[in-house]
mmCIF file of all heavy atoms, coordinates in Angstrom:
data_MODEL
# 
_entry.id   MODEL 
# 
loop_
_atom_site.group_PDB 
_atom_site.id 
_atom_site.type_symbol 
_atom_site.label_atom_id 
_atom_site.label_alt_id 
_atom_site.label_comp_id 
_atom_site.label_asym_id 
_atom_site.label_entity_id 
_atom_site.label_seq_id 
_atom_site.pdbx_PDB_ins_code 
_atom_site.Cartn_x 
_atom_site.Cartn_y 
_atom_site.Cartn_z 
_atom_site.occupancy 
_atom_site.B_iso_or_equiv 
_atom_site.pdbx_formal_charge 
_atom_site.auth_seq_id 
_atom_site.auth_comp_id 
_atom_site.auth_asym_id 
_atom_site.auth_atom_id 
_atom_site.pdbx_PDB_model_num 
ATOM 1   N N   . MET A 1 1  ? -0.070 -2.198  -10.479 1.00 0.00 ? 1  MET A N   1 
ATOM 2   C CA  . MET A 1 1  ? 1.156  -1.835  -9.748  1.00 0.00 ? 1  MET A CA  1 
ATOM 3   C C   . MET A 1 1  ? 2.390  -1.836  -10.642 1.00 0.00 ? 1  MET A C   1 
ATOM 4   O O   . MET A 1 1  ? 3.475  -1.504  -10.198 1.00 0.00 ? 1  MET A O   1 
ATOM 5   C CB  . MET A 1 1  ? 1.351  -2.775  -8.558  1.00 0.00 ? 1  MET A CB  1 
ATOM 6   C CG  . MET A 1 1  ? 0.284  -2.614  -7.495  1.00 0.00 ? 1  MET A CG  1 
ATOM 7   S SD  . MET A 1 1  ? 0.496  -3.721  -6.091  1.00 0.00 ? 1  MET A SD  1 
ATOM 8   C CE  . MET A 1 1  ? 1.707  -2.816  -5.146  1.00 0.00 ? 1  MET A CE  1 
ATOM 9   N N   . GLU A 1 2  ? 2.208  -2.184  -11.902 1.00 0.00 ? 2  GLU A N   1 
ATOM 10  C CA  . GLU A 1 2  ? 3.335  -2.244  -12.836 1.00 0.00 ? 2  GLU A CA  1 
ATOM 11  C C   . GLU A 1 2  ? 4.013  -0.883  -13.033 1.00 0.00 ? 2  GLU A C   1 
ATOM 12  O O   . GLU A 1 2  ? 5.160  -0.814  -13.427 1.00 0.00 ? 2  GLU A O   1 
ATOM 13  C CB  . GLU A 1 2  ? 2.871  -2.792  -14.190 1.00 0.00 ? 2  GLU A CB  1 
ATOM 14  C CG  . GLU A 1 2  ? 2.432  -4.253  -14.135 1.00 0.00 ? 2  GLU A CG  1 
ATOM 15  C CD  . GLU A 1 2  ? 3.583  -5.191  -13.786 1.00 0.00 ? 2  GLU A CD  1 
ATOM 16  O OE1 . GLU A 1 2  ? 4.659  -5.066  -14.392 1.00 0.00 ? 2  GLU A OE1 1 
ATOM 17  O OE2 . GLU A 1 2  ? 3.399  -6.033  -12.890 1.00 0.00 ? 2  GLU A OE2 1 
ATOM 18  N N   . TRP A 1 3  ? 3.314  0.219   -12.765 1.00 0.00 ? 3  TRP A N   1 
ATOM 19  C CA  . TRP A 1 3  ? 3.900  1.559   -12.900 1.00 0.00 ? 3  TRP A CA  1 
ATOM 20  C C   . TRP A 1 3  ? 5.154  1.698   -12.043 1.00 0.00 ? 3  TRP A C   1 
ATOM 21  O O   . TRP A 1 3  ? 6.034  2.509   -12.342 1.00 0.00 ? 3  TRP A O   1 
ATOM 22  C CB  . TRP A 1 3  ? 2.894  2.649   -12.516 1.00 0.00 ? 3  TRP A CB  1 
ATOM 23  C CG  . TRP A 1 3  ? 2.492  2.610   -11.067 1.00 0.00 ? 3  TRP A CG  1 
ATOM 24  C CD1 . TRP A 1 3  ? 1.428  1.963   -10.536 1.00 0.00 ? 3  TRP A CD1 1 
ATOM 25  C CD2 . TRP A 1 3  ? 3.173  3.219   -9.970  1.00 0.00 ? 3  TRP A CD2 1 
ATOM 26  N NE1 . TRP A 1 3  ? 1.393  2.128   -9.176  1.00 0.00 ? 3  TRP A NE1 1 
ATOM 27  C CE2 . TRP A 1 3  ? 2.456  2.899   -8.798  1.00 0.00 ? 3  TRP A CE2 1 
ATOM 28  C CE3 . TRP A 1 3  ? 4.312  4.002   -9.857  1.00 0.00 ? 3  TRP A CE3 1 
ATOM 29  C CZ2 . TRP A 1 3  ? 2.846  3.340   -7.537  1.00 0.00 ? 3  TRP A CZ2 1 
ATOM 30  C CZ3 . TRP A 1 3  ? 4.707  4.440   -8.595  1.00 0.00 ? 3  TRP A CZ3 1 
ATOM 31  C CH2 . TRP A 1 3  ? 3.969  4.111   -7.455  1.00 0.00 ? 3  TRP A CH2 1 
ATOM 32  N N   . GLN A 1 4  ? 5.261  0.912   -10.974 1.00 0.00 ? 4  GLN A N   1 
ATOM 33  C CA  . GLN A 1 4  ? 6.380  1.026   -10.046 1.00 0.00 ? 4  GLN A CA  1 
ATOM 34  C C   . GLN A 1 4  ? 7.725  0.713   -10.699 1.00 0.00 ? 4  GLN A C   1 
ATOM 35  O O   . GLN A 1 4  ? 8.747  1.227   -10.262 1.00 0.00 ? 4  GLN A O   1 
ATOM 36  C CB  . GLN A 1 4  ? 6.172  0.089   -8.851  1.00 0.00 ? 4  GLN A CB  1 
ATOM 37  C CG  . GLN A 1 4  ? 5.005  0.475   -7.986  1.00 0.00 ? 4  GLN A CG  1 
ATOM 38  C CD  . GLN A 1 4  ? 4.848  -0.458  -6.802  1.00 0.00 ? 4  GLN A CD  1 
ATOM 39  O OE1 . GLN A 1 4  ? 5.601  -1.415  -6.627  1.00 0.00 ? 4  GLN A OE1 1 
ATOM 40  N NE2 . GLN A 1 4  ? 3.853  -0.185  -5.981  1.00 0.00 ? 4  GLN A NE2 1 
ATOM 41  N N   . LYS A 1 5  ? 7.724  -0.097  -11.746 1.00 0.00 ? 5  LYS A N   1 
ATOM 42  C CA  . LYS A 1 5  ? 8.982  -0.480  -12.398 1.00 0.00 ? 5  LYS A CA  1 
ATOM 43  C C   . LYS A 1 5  ? 9.778  0.733   -12.858 1.00 0.00 ? 5  LYS A C   1 
ATOM 44  O O   . LYS A 1 5  ? 10.997 0.705   -12.892 1.00 0.00 ? 5  LYS A O   1 
ATOM 45  C CB  . LYS A 1 5  ? 8.703  -1.411  -13.580 1.00 0.00 ? 5  LYS A CB  1 
ATOM 46  C CG  . LYS A 1 5  ? 8.202  -2.767  -13.154 1.00 0.00 ? 5  LYS A CG  1 
ATOM 47  C CD  . LYS A 1 5  ? 7.946  -3.664  -14.349 1.00 0.00 ? 5  LYS A CD  1 
ATOM 48  C CE  . LYS A 1 5  ? 7.474  -5.024  -13.867 1.00 0.00 ? 5  LYS A CE  1 
ATOM 49  N NZ  . LYS A 1 5  ? 7.276  -5.962  -14.964 1.00 0.00 ? 5  LYS A NZ  1 
ATOM 50  N N   . LYS A 1 6  ? 9.100  1.799   -13.178 1.00 0.00 ? 6  LYS A N   1 
ATOM 51  C CA  . LYS A 1 6  ? 9.740  3.023   -13.666 1.00 0.00 ? 6  LYS A CA  1 
ATOM 52  C C   . LYS A 1 6  ? 10.512 3.752   -12.558 1.00 0.00 ? 6  LYS A C   1 
ATOM 53  O O   . LYS A 1 6  ? 11.415 4.533   -12.831 1.00 0.00 ? 6  LYS A O   1 
ATOM 54  C CB  . LYS A 1 6  ? 8.649  3.927   -14.244 1.00 0.00 ? 6  LYS A CB  1 
ATOM 55  C CG  . LYS A 1 6  ? 9.108  5.166   -14.915 1.00 0.00 ? 6  LYS A CG  1 
ATOM 56  C CD  . LYS A 1 6  ? 7.910  5.864   -15.544 1.00 0.00 ? 6  LYS A CD  1 
ATOM 57  C CE  . LYS A 1 6  ? 8.258  7.212   -16.075 1.00 0.00 ? 6  LYS A CE  1 
ATOM 58  N NZ  . LYS A 1 6  ? 7.086  7.910   -16.613 1.00 0.00 ? 6  LYS A NZ  1 
ATOM 59  N N   . TYR A 1 7  ? 10.165 3.490   -11.286 1.00 0.00 ? 7  TYR A N   1 
ATOM 60  C CA  . TYR A 1 7  ? 10.738 4.235   -10.164 1.00 0.00 ? 7  TYR A CA  1 
ATOM 61  C C   . TYR A 1 7  ? 11.559 3.378   -9.204  1.00 0.00 ? 7  TYR A C   1 
ATOM 62  O O   . TYR A 1 7  ? 11.835 3.798   -8.086  1.00 0.00 ? 7  TYR A O   1 
ATOM 63  C CB  . TYR A 1 7  ? 9.612  4.939   -9.396  1.00 0.00 ? 7  TYR A CB  1 
ATOM 64  C CG  . TYR A 1 7  ? 8.819  5.853   -10.284 1.00 0.00 ? 7  TYR A CG  1 
ATOM 65  C CD1 . TYR A 1 7  ? 7.583  5.465   -10.789 1.00 0.00 ? 7  TYR A CD1 1 
ATOM 66  C CD2 . TYR A 1 7  ? 9.320  7.094   -10.663 1.00 0.00 ? 7  TYR A CD2 1 
ATOM 67  C CE1 . TYR A 1 7  ? 6.853  6.296   -11.621 1.00 0.00 ? 7  TYR A CE1 1 
ATOM 68  C CE2 . TYR A 1 7  ? 8.600  7.931   -11.496 1.00 0.00 ? 7  TYR A CE2 1 
ATOM 69  C CZ  . TYR A 1 7  ? 7.375  7.520   -11.974 1.00 0.00 ? 7  TYR A CZ  1 
ATOM 70  O OH  . TYR A 1 7  ? 6.666  8.341   -12.812 1.00 0.00 ? 7  TYR A OH  1 
ATOM 71  N N   . LEU A 1 8  ? 11.950 2.188   -9.657  1.00 0.00 ? 8  LEU A N   1 
ATOM 72  C CA  . LEU A 1 8  ? 12.717 1.288   -8.792  1.00 0.00 ? 8  LEU A CA  1 
ATOM 73  C C   . LEU A 1 8  ? 14.083 1.866   -8.455  1.00 0.00 ? 8  LEU A C   1 
ATOM 74  O O   . LEU A 1 8  ? 14.686 2.587   -9.251  1.00 0.00 ? 8  LEU A O   1 
ATOM 75  C CB  . LEU A 1 8  ? 12.890 -0.066  -9.474  1.00 0.00 ? 8  LEU A CB  1 
ATOM 76  C CG  . LEU A 1 8  ? 11.643 -0.938  -9.546  1.00 0.00 ? 8  LEU A CG  1 
ATOM 77  C CD1 . LEU A 1 8  ? 11.881 -2.136  -10.447 1.00 0.00 ? 8  LEU A CD1 1 
ATOM 78  C CD2 . LEU A 1 8  ? 11.213 -1.370  -8.157  1.00 0.00 ? 8  LEU A CD2 1 
ATOM 79  N N   . LEU A 1 9  ? 14.556 1.514   -7.274  1.00 0.00 ? 9  LEU A N   1 
ATOM 80  C CA  . LEU A 1 9  ? 15.897 1.878   -6.852  1.00 0.00 ? 9  LEU A CA  1 
ATOM 81  C C   . LEU A 1 9  ? 16.891 1.306   -7.858  1.00 0.00 ? 9  LEU A C   1 
ATOM 82  O O   . LEU A 1 9  ? 16.726 0.161   -8.292  1.00 0.00 ? 9  LEU A O   1 
ATOM 83  C CB  . LEU A 1 9  ? 16.156 1.303   -5.456  1.00 0.00 ? 9  LEU A CB  1 
ATOM 84  C CG  . LEU A 1 9  ? 17.399 1.753   -4.720  1.00 0.00 ? 9  LEU A CG  1 
ATOM 85  C CD1 . LEU A 1 9  ? 17.278 3.224   -4.338  1.00 0.00 ? 9  LEU A CD1 1 
ATOM 86  C CD2 . LEU A 1 9  ? 17.582 0.921   -3.459  1.00 0.00 ? 9  LEU A CD2 1 
ATOM 87  N N   . PRO A 1 10 ? 17.898 2.072   -8.264  1.00 0.00 ? 10 PRO A N   1 
ATOM 88  C CA  . PRO A 1 10 ? 18.891 1.521   -9.203  1.00 0.00 ? 10 PRO A CA  1 
ATOM 89  C C   . PRO A 1 10 ? 19.470 0.206   -8.679  1.00 0.00 ? 10 PRO A C   1 
ATOM 90  O O   . PRO A 1 10 ? 19.730 0.055   -7.489  1.00 0.00 ? 10 PRO A O   1 
ATOM 91  C CB  . PRO A 1 10 ? 19.962 2.614   -9.262  1.00 0.00 ? 10 PRO A CB  1 
ATOM 92  C CG  . PRO A 1 10 ? 19.236 3.867   -8.903  1.00 0.00 ? 10 PRO A CG  1 
ATOM 93  C CD  . PRO A 1 10 ? 18.191 3.456   -7.903  1.00 0.00 ? 10 PRO A CD  1 
ATOM 94  N N   . GLY A 1 11 ? 19.630 -0.737  -9.580  1.00 0.00 ? 11 GLY A N   1 
ATOM 95  C CA  . GLY A 1 11 ? 20.146 -2.051  -9.221  1.00 0.00 ? 11 GLY A CA  1 
ATOM 96  C C   . GLY A 1 11 ? 19.061 -3.108  -9.111  1.00 0.00 ? 11 GLY A C   1 
ATOM 97  O O   . GLY A 1 11 ? 19.360 -4.294  -9.064  1.00 0.00 ? 11 GLY A O   1 
ATOM 98  N N   . ILE A 1 12 ? 17.796 -2.710  -9.054  1.00 0.00 ? 12 ILE A N   1 
ATOM 99  C CA  . ILE A 1 12 ? 16.684 -3.656  -9.016  1.00 0.00 ? 12 ILE A CA  1 
ATOM 100 C C   . ILE A 1 12 ? 16.275 -3.928  -10.463 1.00 0.00 ? 12 ILE A C   1 
ATOM 101 O O   . ILE A 1 12 ? 16.033 -2.997  -11.229 1.00 0.00 ? 12 ILE A O   1 
ATOM 102 C CB  . ILE A 1 12 ? 15.475 -3.100  -8.230  1.00 0.00 ? 12 ILE A CB  1 
ATOM 103 C CG1 . ILE A 1 12 ? 15.877 -2.642  -6.836  1.00 0.00 ? 12 ILE A CG1 1 
ATOM 104 C CG2 . ILE A 1 12 ? 14.344 -4.121  -8.192  1.00 0.00 ? 12 ILE A CG2 1 
ATOM 105 C CD1 . ILE A 1 12 ? 16.298 -3.727  -5.900  1.00 0.00 ? 12 ILE A CD1 1 
ATOM 106 N N   . ASP A 1 13 ? 16.200 -5.192  -10.833 1.00 0.00 ? 13 ASP A N   1 
ATOM 107 C CA  . ASP A 1 13 ? 15.868 -5.564  -12.205 1.00 0.00 ? 13 ASP A CA  1 
ATOM 108 C C   . ASP A 1 13 ? 14.359 -5.462  -12.429 1.00 0.00 ? 13 ASP A C   1 
ATOM 109 O O   . ASP A 1 13 ? 13.590 -6.227  -11.837 1.00 0.00 ? 13 ASP A O   1 
ATOM 110 C CB  . ASP A 1 13 ? 16.342 -6.990  -12.483 1.00 0.00 ? 13 ASP A CB  1 
ATOM 111 C CG  . ASP A 1 13 ? 16.088 -7.437  -13.909 1.00 0.00 ? 13 ASP A CG  1 
ATOM 112 O OD1 . ASP A 1 13 ? 15.650 -6.608  -14.740 1.00 0.00 ? 13 ASP A OD1 1 
ATOM 113 O OD2 . ASP A 1 13 ? 16.333 -8.624  -14.199 1.00 0.00 ? 13 ASP A OD2 1 
ATOM 114 N N   . PRO A 1 14 ? 13.913 -4.529  -13.290 1.00 0.00 ? 14 PRO A N   1 
ATOM 115 C CA  . PRO A 1 14 ? 12.481 -4.394  -13.541 1.00 0.00 ? 14 PRO A CA  1 
ATOM 116 C C   . PRO A 1 14 ? 11.859 -5.624  -14.203 1.00 0.00 ? 14 PRO A C   1 
ATOM 117 O O   . PRO A 1 14 ? 10.657 -5.854  -14.088 1.00 0.00 ? 14 PRO A O   1 
ATOM 118 C CB  . PRO A 1 14 ? 12.360 -3.175  -14.456 1.00 0.00 ? 14 PRO A CB  1 
ATOM 119 C CG  . PRO A 1 14 ? 13.725 -2.730  -14.771 1.00 0.00 ? 14 PRO A CG  1 
ATOM 120 C CD  . PRO A 1 14 ? 14.700 -3.547  -14.001 1.00 0.00 ? 14 PRO A CD  1 
ATOM 121 N N   . ASN A 1 15 ? 12.674 -6.427  -14.877 1.00 0.00 ? 15 ASN A N   1 
ATOM 122 C CA  . ASN A 1 15 ? 12.148 -7.621  -15.556 1.00 0.00 ? 15 ASN A CA  1 
ATOM 123 C C   . ASN A 1 15 ? 11.730 -8.710  -14.574 1.00 0.00 ? 15 ASN A C   1 
ATOM 124 O O   . ASN A 1 15 ? 10.877 -9.536  -14.893 1.00 0.00 ? 15 ASN A O   1 
ATOM 125 C CB  . ASN A 1 15 ? 13.173 -8.167  -16.543 1.00 0.00 ? 15 ASN A CB  1 
ATOM 126 C CG  . ASN A 1 15 ? 13.459 -7.174  -17.644 1.00 0.00 ? 15 ASN A CG  1 
ATOM 127 O OD1 . ASN A 1 15 ? 12.552 -6.515  -18.159 1.00 0.00 ? 15 ASN A OD1 1 
ATOM 128 N ND2 . ASN A 1 15 ? 14.727 -7.027  -17.990 1.00 0.00 ? 15 ASN A ND2 1 
ATOM 129 N N   . THR A 1 16 ? 12.328 -8.737  -13.397 1.00 0.00 ? 16 THR A N   1 
ATOM 130 C CA  . THR A 1 16 ? 11.978 -9.752  -12.400 1.00 0.00 ? 16 THR A CA  1 
ATOM 131 C C   . THR A 1 16 ? 11.162 -9.172  -11.241 1.00 0.00 ? 16 THR A C   1 
ATOM 132 O O   . THR A 1 16 ? 10.764 -9.902  -10.348 1.00 0.00 ? 16 THR A O   1 
ATOM 133 C CB  . THR A 1 16 ? 13.250 -10.411 -11.830 1.00 0.00 ? 16 THR A CB  1 
ATOM 134 O OG1 . THR A 1 16 ? 14.061 -9.404  -11.213 1.00 0.00 ? 16 THR A OG1 1 
ATOM 135 C CG2 . THR A 1 16 ? 14.020 -11.127 -12.926 1.00 0.00 ? 16 THR A CG2 1 
ATOM 136 N N   . TYR A 1 17 ? 10.933 -7.864  -11.270 1.00 0.00 ? 17 TYR A N   1 
ATOM 137 C CA  . TYR A 1 17 ? 10.187 -7.193  -10.195 1.00 0.00 ? 17 TYR A CA  1 
ATOM 138 C C   . TYR A 1 17 ? 8.714  -7.584  -10.262 1.00 0.00 ? 17 TYR A C   1 
ATOM 139 O O   . TYR A 1 17 ? 8.069  -7.455  -11.291 1.00 0.00 ? 17 TYR A O   1 
ATOM 140 C CB  . TYR A 1 17 ? 10.345 -5.678  -10.337 1.00 0.00 ? 17 TYR A CB  1 
ATOM 141 C CG  . TYR A 1 17 ? 9.624  -4.881  -9.279  1.00 0.00 ? 17 TYR A CG  1 
ATOM 142 C CD1 . TYR A 1 17 ? 10.037 -4.915  -7.948  1.00 0.00 ? 17 TYR A CD1 1 
ATOM 143 C CD2 . TYR A 1 17 ? 8.538  -4.088  -9.608  1.00 0.00 ? 17 TYR A CD2 1 
ATOM 144 C CE1 . TYR A 1 17 ? 9.379  -4.188  -6.982  1.00 0.00 ? 17 TYR A CE1 1 
ATOM 145 C CE2 . TYR A 1 17 ? 7.875  -3.342  -8.645  1.00 0.00 ? 17 TYR A CE2 1 
ATOM 146 C CZ  . TYR A 1 17 ? 8.305  -3.399  -7.338  1.00 0.00 ? 17 TYR A CZ  1 
ATOM 147 O OH  . TYR A 1 17 ? 7.649  -2.662  -6.375  1.00 0.00 ? 17 TYR A OH  1 
ATOM 148 N N   . ALA A 1 18 ? 8.181  -8.089  -9.146  1.00 0.00 ? 18 ALA A N   1 
ATOM 149 C CA  . ALA A 1 18 ? 6.787  -8.528  -9.083  1.00 0.00 ? 18 ALA A CA  1 
ATOM 150 C C   . ALA A 1 18 ? 6.150  -7.969  -7.805  1.00 0.00 ? 18 ALA A C   1 
ATOM 151 O O   . ALA A 1 18 ? 6.073  -8.650  -6.783  1.00 0.00 ? 18 ALA A O   1 
ATOM 152 C CB  . ALA A 1 18 ? 6.713  -10.045 -9.106  1.00 0.00 ? 18 ALA A CB  1 
ATOM 153 N N   . PRO A 1 19 ? 5.671  -6.719  -7.843  1.00 0.00 ? 19 PRO A N   1 
ATOM 154 C CA  . PRO A 1 19 ? 5.112  -6.113  -6.631  1.00 0.00 ? 19 PRO A CA  1 
ATOM 155 C C   . PRO A 1 19 ? 3.780  -6.740  -6.235  1.00 0.00 ? 19 PRO A C   1 
ATOM 156 O O   . PRO A 1 19 ? 3.017  -7.199  -7.078  1.00 0.00 ? 19 PRO A O   1 
ATOM 157 C CB  . PRO A 1 19 ? 4.917  -4.653  -7.042  1.00 0.00 ? 19 PRO A CB  1 
ATOM 158 C CG  . PRO A 1 19 ? 4.699  -4.710  -8.519  1.00 0.00 ? 19 PRO A CG  1 
ATOM 159 C CD  . PRO A 1 19 ? 5.564  -5.837  -9.009  1.00 0.00 ? 19 PRO A CD  1 
ATOM 160 N N   . THR A 1 20 ? 3.540  -6.770  -4.936  1.00 0.00 ? 20 THR A N   1 
ATOM 161 C CA  . THR A 1 20 ? 2.255  -7.208  -4.404  1.00 0.00 ? 20 THR A CA  1 
ATOM 162 C C   . THR A 1 20 ? 1.765  -6.141  -3.427  1.00 0.00 ? 20 THR A C   1 
ATOM 163 O O   . THR A 1 20 ? 2.496  -5.199  -3.110  1.00 0.00 ? 20 THR A O   1 
ATOM 164 C CB  . THR A 1 20 ? 2.381  -8.556  -3.676  1.00 0.00 ? 20 THR A CB  1 
ATOM 165 O OG1 . THR A 1 20 ? 3.212  -8.375  -2.517  1.00 0.00 ? 20 THR A OG1 1 
ATOM 166 C CG2 . THR A 1 20 ? 2.946  -9.633  -4.578  1.00 0.00 ? 20 THR A CG2 1 
ATOM 167 N N   . ARG A 1 21 ? 0.563  -6.304  -2.927  1.00 0.00 ? 21 ARG A N   1 
ATOM 168 C CA  . ARG A 1 21 ? 0.011  -5.326  -1.989  1.00 0.00 ? 21 ARG A CA  1 
ATOM 169 C C   . ARG A 1 21 ? 0.886  -5.204  -0.741  1.00 0.00 ? 21 ARG A C   1 
ATOM 170 O O   . ARG A 1 21 ? 1.095  -4.105  -0.226  1.00 0.00 ? 21 ARG A O   1 
ATOM 171 C CB  . ARG A 1 21 ? -1.406 -5.744  -1.595  1.00 0.00 ? 21 ARG A CB  1 
ATOM 172 C CG  . ARG A 1 21 ? -2.073 -4.720  -0.674  1.00 0.00 ? 21 ARG A CG  1 
ATOM 173 C CD  . ARG A 1 21 ? -3.314 -5.265  0.019   1.00 0.00 ? 21 ARG A CD  1 
ATOM 174 N NE  . ARG A 1 21 ? -2.966 -6.422  0.807   1.00 0.00 ? 21 ARG A NE  1 
ATOM 175 C CZ  . ARG A 1 21 ? -3.609 -7.585  0.750   1.00 0.00 ? 21 ARG A CZ  1 
ATOM 176 N NH1 . ARG A 1 21 ? -4.631 -7.746  -0.037  1.00 0.00 ? 21 ARG A NH1 1 
ATOM 177 N NH2 . ARG A 1 21 ? -3.231 -8.599  1.498   1.00 0.00 ? 21 ARG A NH2 1 
ATOM 178 N N   . ASP A 1 22 ? 1.416  -6.314  -0.258  1.00 0.00 ? 22 ASP A N   1 
ATOM 179 C CA  . ASP A 1 22 ? 2.144  -6.314  1.008   1.00 0.00 ? 22 ASP A CA  1 
ATOM 180 C C   . ASP A 1 22 ? 3.660  -6.268  0.859   1.00 0.00 ? 22 ASP A C   1 
ATOM 181 O O   . ASP A 1 22 ? 4.368  -6.150  1.861   1.00 0.00 ? 22 ASP A O   1 
ATOM 182 C CB  . ASP A 1 22 ? 1.773  -7.568  1.803   1.00 0.00 ? 22 ASP A CB  1 
ATOM 183 C CG  . ASP A 1 22 ? 0.290  -7.616  2.153   1.00 0.00 ? 22 ASP A CG  1 
ATOM 184 O OD1 . ASP A 1 22 ? -0.356 -6.548  2.175   1.00 0.00 ? 22 ASP A OD1 1 
ATOM 185 O OD2 . ASP A 1 22 ? -0.219 -8.718  2.385   1.00 0.00 ? 22 ASP A OD2 1 
ATOM 186 N N   . ASN A 1 23 ? 4.166  -6.387  -0.358  1.00 0.00 ? 23 ASN A N   1 
ATOM 187 C CA  . ASN A 1 23 ? 5.617  -6.410  -0.607  1.00 0.00 ? 23 ASN A CA  1 
ATOM 188 C C   . ASN A 1 23 ? 5.900  -5.723  -1.932  1.00 0.00 ? 23 ASN A C   1 
ATOM 189 O O   . ASN A 1 23 ? 5.557  -6.257  -2.993  1.00 0.00 ? 23 ASN A O   1 
ATOM 190 C CB  . ASN A 1 23 ? 6.135  -7.854  -0.652  1.00 0.00 ? 23 ASN A CB  1 
ATOM 191 C CG  . ASN A 1 23 ? 6.000  -8.548  0.679   1.00 0.00 ? 23 ASN A CG  1 
ATOM 192 O OD1 . ASN A 1 23 ? 6.773  -8.322  1.593   1.00 0.00 ? 23 ASN A OD1 1 
ATOM 193 N ND2 . ASN A 1 23 ? 4.974  -9.380  0.803   1.00 0.00 ? 23 ASN A ND2 1 
ATOM 194 N N   . TRP A 1 24 ? 6.507  -4.551  -1.869  1.00 0.00 ? 24 TRP A N   1 
ATOM 195 C CA  . TRP A 1 24 ? 6.865  -3.827  -3.082  1.00 0.00 ? 24 TRP A CA  1 
ATOM 196 C C   . TRP A 1 24 ? 8.045  -2.900  -2.794  1.00 0.00 ? 24 TRP A C   1 
ATOM 197 O O   . TRP A 1 24 ? 8.402  -2.657  -1.668  1.00 0.00 ? 24 TRP A O   1 
ATOM 198 C CB  . TRP A 1 24 ? 5.686  -3.036  -3.659  1.00 0.00 ? 24 TRP A CB  1 
ATOM 199 C CG  . TRP A 1 24 ? 4.930  -2.187  -2.679  1.00 0.00 ? 24 TRP A CG  1 
ATOM 200 C CD1 . TRP A 1 24 ? 3.767  -2.518  -2.047  1.00 0.00 ? 24 TRP A CD1 1 
ATOM 201 C CD2 . TRP A 1 24 ? 5.270  -0.877  -2.218  1.00 0.00 ? 24 TRP A CD2 1 
ATOM 202 N NE1 . TRP A 1 24 ? 3.367  -1.495  -1.225  1.00 0.00 ? 24 TRP A NE1 1 
ATOM 203 C CE2 . TRP A 1 24 ? 4.272  -0.474  -1.319  1.00 0.00 ? 24 TRP A CE2 1 
ATOM 204 C CE3 . TRP A 1 24 ? 6.307  0.000   -2.479  1.00 0.00 ? 24 TRP A CE3 1 
ATOM 205 C CZ2 . TRP A 1 24 ? 4.287  0.766   -0.676  1.00 0.00 ? 24 TRP A CZ2 1 
ATOM 206 C CZ3 . TRP A 1 24 ? 6.327  1.236   -1.836  1.00 0.00 ? 24 TRP A CZ3 1 
ATOM 207 C CH2 . TRP A 1 24 ? 5.327  1.597   -0.959  1.00 0.00 ? 24 TRP A CH2 1 
ATOM 208 N N   . GLY A 1 25 ? 8.645  -2.409  -3.861  1.00 0.00 ? 25 GLY A N   1 
ATOM 209 C CA  . GLY A 1 25 ? 9.762  -1.480  -3.743  1.00 0.00 ? 25 GLY A CA  1 
ATOM 210 C C   . GLY A 1 25 ? 11.081 -2.207  -3.638  1.00 0.00 ? 25 GLY A C   1 
ATOM 211 O O   . GLY A 1 25 ? 11.162 -3.416  -3.839  1.00 0.00 ? 25 GLY A O   1 
ATOM 212 N N   . PRO A 1 26 ? 12.131 -1.478  -3.371  1.00 0.00 ? 26 PRO A N   1 
ATOM 213 C CA  . PRO A 1 26 ? 12.195 -0.071  -3.016  1.00 0.00 ? 26 PRO A CA  1 
ATOM 214 C C   . PRO A 1 26 ? 12.020 0.847   -4.234  1.00 0.00 ? 26 PRO A C   1 
ATOM 215 O O   . PRO A 1 26 ? 12.564 0.599   -5.298  1.00 0.00 ? 26 PRO A O   1 
ATOM 216 C CB  . PRO A 1 26 ? 13.587 0.097   -2.407  1.00 0.00 ? 26 PRO A CB  1 
ATOM 217 C CG  . PRO A 1 26 ? 14.390 -1.020  -2.979  1.00 0.00 ? 26 PRO A CG  1 
ATOM 218 C CD  . PRO A 1 26 ? 13.437 -2.135  -3.278  1.00 0.00 ? 26 PRO A CD  1 
# 
């Protein structure tokens, strides 16, 4: 799911982003 870091809403820090099956995005 790490591919999502490339498409995060501006303002979301990709360094602290930790997506899971039930909680990810925006």
